[in-house]
Structure formats: C-alpha cells, structure tokens
C-alpha atoms as a PDB file:
ATOM      1  CA  MET A   1     148.189  38.535 196.478  1.00  0.00           C
ATOM      2  CA  ASN A   2     148.047  37.773 192.749  1.00  0.00           C
ATOM      3  CA  VAL A   3     146.646  40.128 190.115  1.00  0.00           C
ATOM      4  CA  GLU A   4     143.265  38.428 189.744  1.00  0.00           C
ATOM      5  CA  ILE A   5     142.676  38.427 193.503  1.00  0.00           C
ATOM      6  CA  ARG A   6     143.646  42.110 193.631  1.00  0.00           C
ATOM      7  CA  ARG A   7     140.971  42.912 191.053  1.00  0.00           C
ATOM      8  CA  ILE A   8     138.336  40.920 192.919  1.00  0.00           C
ATOM      9  CA  ALA A   9     139.376  42.475 196.244  1.00  0.00           C
ATOM     10  CA  ALA A  10     139.203  45.992 194.770  1.00  0.00           C
ATOM     11  CA  TRP A  11     135.729  45.276 193.362  1.00  0.00           C
ATOM     12  CA  ALA A  12     134.604  43.867 196.720  1.00  0.00           C
ATOM     13  CA  ARG A  13     135.902  46.902 198.635  1.00  0.00           C
ATOM     14  CA  LYS A  14     134.157  49.205 196.166  1.00  0.00           C
ATOM     15  CA  ASN A  15     130.908  47.396 197.005  1.00  0.00           C
ATOM     16  CA  GLY A  16     131.332  47.790 200.765  1.00  0.00           C
ATOM     17  CA  TRP A  17     132.995  44.456 201.534  1.00  0.00           C
ATOM     18  CA  ASN A  18     135.846  44.103 204.025  1.00  0.00           C
ATOM     19  CA  VAL A  19     138.862  42.388 202.446  1.00  0.00           C
ATOM     20  CA  TYR A  20     142.067  41.830 204.393  1.00  0.00           C
ATOM     21  CA  ASP A  21     145.247  39.750 204.245  1.00  0.00           C
ATOM     22  CA  THR A  22     146.606  37.756 207.153  1.00  0.00           C
ATOM     23  CA  ARG A  23     150.265  37.278 208.053  1.00  0.00           C
ATOM     24  CA  ASN A  24     150.037  33.761 206.600  1.00  0.00           C
ATOM     25  CA  GLY A  25     149.091  35.156 203.189  1.00  0.00           C
ATOM     26  CA  TYR A  26     145.387  34.361 203.207  1.00  0.00           C
ATOM     27  CA  THR A  27     142.982  36.914 201.732  1.00  0.00           C
ATOM     28  CA  HIS A  28     139.698  36.963 203.689  1.00  0.00           C
ATOM     29  CA  PHE A  29     136.375  38.342 202.457  1.00  0.00           C
ATOM     30  CA  ARG A  30     133.598  39.670 204.707  1.00  0.00           C
ATOM     31  CA  ASP A  31     130.270  40.917 203.380  1.00  0.00           C
ATOM     32  CA  PRO A  32     128.986  44.447 204.143  1.00  0.00           C
ATOM     33  CA  ARG A  33     127.198  43.172 207.286  1.00  0.00           C
ATOM     34  CA  GLY A  34     130.479  41.802 208.651  1.00  0.00           C
ATOM     35  CA  ASN A  35     129.737  38.105 208.073  1.00  0.00           C
ATOM     36  CA  TRP A  36     132.767  36.048 207.096  1.00  0.00           C
ATOM     37  CA  VAL A  37     132.262  34.596 203.615  1.00  0.00           C
ATOM     38  CA  THR A  38     135.454  32.947 202.348  1.00  0.00           C
ATOM     39  CA  TYR A  39     139.216  33.156 201.954  1.00  0.00           C
ATOM     40  CA  TYR A  40     141.835  32.607 199.263  1.00  0.00           C
ATOM     41  CA  PRO A  41     145.233  31.118 200.178  1.00  0.00           C
ATOM     42  CA  ALA A  42     148.490  32.703 199.040  1.00  0.00           C
ATOM     43  CA  THR A  43     149.575  29.512 197.261  1.00  0.00           C
ATOM     44  CA  PRO A  44     146.604  27.232 196.508  1.00  0.00           C
ATOM     45  CA  SER A  45     147.461  23.703 195.403  1.00  0.00           C
ATOM     46  CA  ARG A  46     144.937  23.897 192.547  1.00  0.00           C
ATOM     47  CA  PRO A  47     144.690  27.622 191.685  1.00  0.00           C
ATOM     48  CA  ARG A  48     142.113  27.340 188.918  1.00  0.00           C
ATOM     49  CA  ALA A  49     139.734  25.178 190.939  1.00  0.00           C
ATOM     50  CA  ARG A  50     140.184  27.345 194.042  1.00  0.00           C
ATOM     51  CA  MET A  51     139.480  30.506 192.029  1.00  0.00           C
ATOM     52  CA  GLU A  52     136.245  28.984 190.695  1.00  0.00           C
ATOM     53  CA  GLN A  53     135.270  27.989 194.234  1.00  0.00           C
ATOM     54  CA  LEU A  54     136.053  31.496 195.525  1.00  0.00           C
ATOM     55  CA  LEU A  55     133.960  33.152 192.809  1.00  0.00           C
ATOM     56  CA  GLY A  56     131.079  30.765 193.485  1.00  0.00           C
ATOM     57  CA  GLU A  57     131.130  31.529 197.208  1.00  0.00           C
ATOM     58  CA  LEU A  58     131.280  35.283 196.568  1.00  0.00           C
ATOM     59  CA  ASN A  59     128.448  34.984 194.052  1.00  0.00           C
ATOM     60  CA  LYS A  60     126.305  33.123 196.601  1.00  0.00           C
ATOM     61  CA  ALA A  61     126.991  35.844 199.152  1.00  0.00           C
ATOM     62  CA  GLY A  62     125.864  38.546 196.716  1.00  0.00           C
ATOM     63  CA  LEU A  63     129.039  39.854 195.066  1.00  0.00           C
ATOM     64  CA  ARG A  64     128.706  39.392 191.307  1.00  0.00           C
ATOM     65  CA  TRP A  65     131.906  38.773 189.357  1.00  0.00           C
ATOM     66  CA  PRO A  66     132.769  39.829 186.741  1.00  0.00           C
ATOM     67  CA  PRO A  67     131.272  43.276 187.245  1.00  0.00           C
ATOM     68  CA  ALA A  68     128.392  43.863 184.888  1.00  0.00           C
ATOM     69  CA  SER A  69     129.090  45.931 181.811  1.00  0.00           C
ATOM     70  CA  SER A  70     127.150  49.145 181.334  1.00  0.00           C
ATOM     71  CA  SER A  71     124.953  47.505 178.674  1.00  0.00           C
ATOM     72  CA  GLY A  72     124.258  44.592 181.044  1.00  0.00           C
ATOM     73  CA  ARG A  73     123.211  46.957 183.832  1.00  0.00           C
ATOM     74  CA  ARG A  74     121.006  48.844 181.393  1.00  0.00           C
ATOM     75  CA  SER A  75     119.210  45.666 180.279  1.00  0.00           C
ATOM     76  CA  ARG A  76     118.652  44.599 183.908  1.00  0.00           C
ATOM     77  CA  ARG A  77     117.108  47.991 184.689  1.00  0.00           C
ATOM     78  CA  ARG A  78     114.717  47.534 181.785  1.00  0.00           C
ATOM     79  CA  ARG A  79     113.765  44.027 182.945  1.00  0.00           C
ATOM     80  CA  GLY A  80     113.380  45.112 186.537  1.00  0.00           C
ATOM     81  CA  ASP A  81     115.980  42.716 188.049  1.00  0.00           C
END
C-alpha cells in the first residue's frame, strides 16, 4: 500500500469505514453500512488516473477527501451544510 492510500485508508477507518487488503494487493473500501464501494490495485497501470477515480468513487459514497480544514468545517456549520 503506498503512502497516499495509507492516508486515505486511515481517514476512512476514522470515519467508520472498513478498509482491508487482499492477498493480491488490492485495497478494498466498504462504507459504514457494509456496502462495498471500490478498490485500489497494488500496481495500477495509470496511478494518477486510478487515484482520481478512487477519490471520485469515495466522494460519491460520502467520504470527503481531503479532510476539511478546521476553518472549512467552521464555515459549513455557519452555512448549515
């Protein structure tokens, strides 16, 4: 698992997601309800494109990346989002 995936996996686990690695090197992501969302291969052929796809799929499923800064969270509380 590369460094960027480790950060995303740690953030997902902190938010109640189930993240696990298979013997083949794939990192799988499941949402807090247990629904399978996506995976990231150990050696993607196009790493940058695959990372963008992974982040888009996680975003759609409700995991925001990058984590909001404290000022961003504060402004959302004021707006009511």
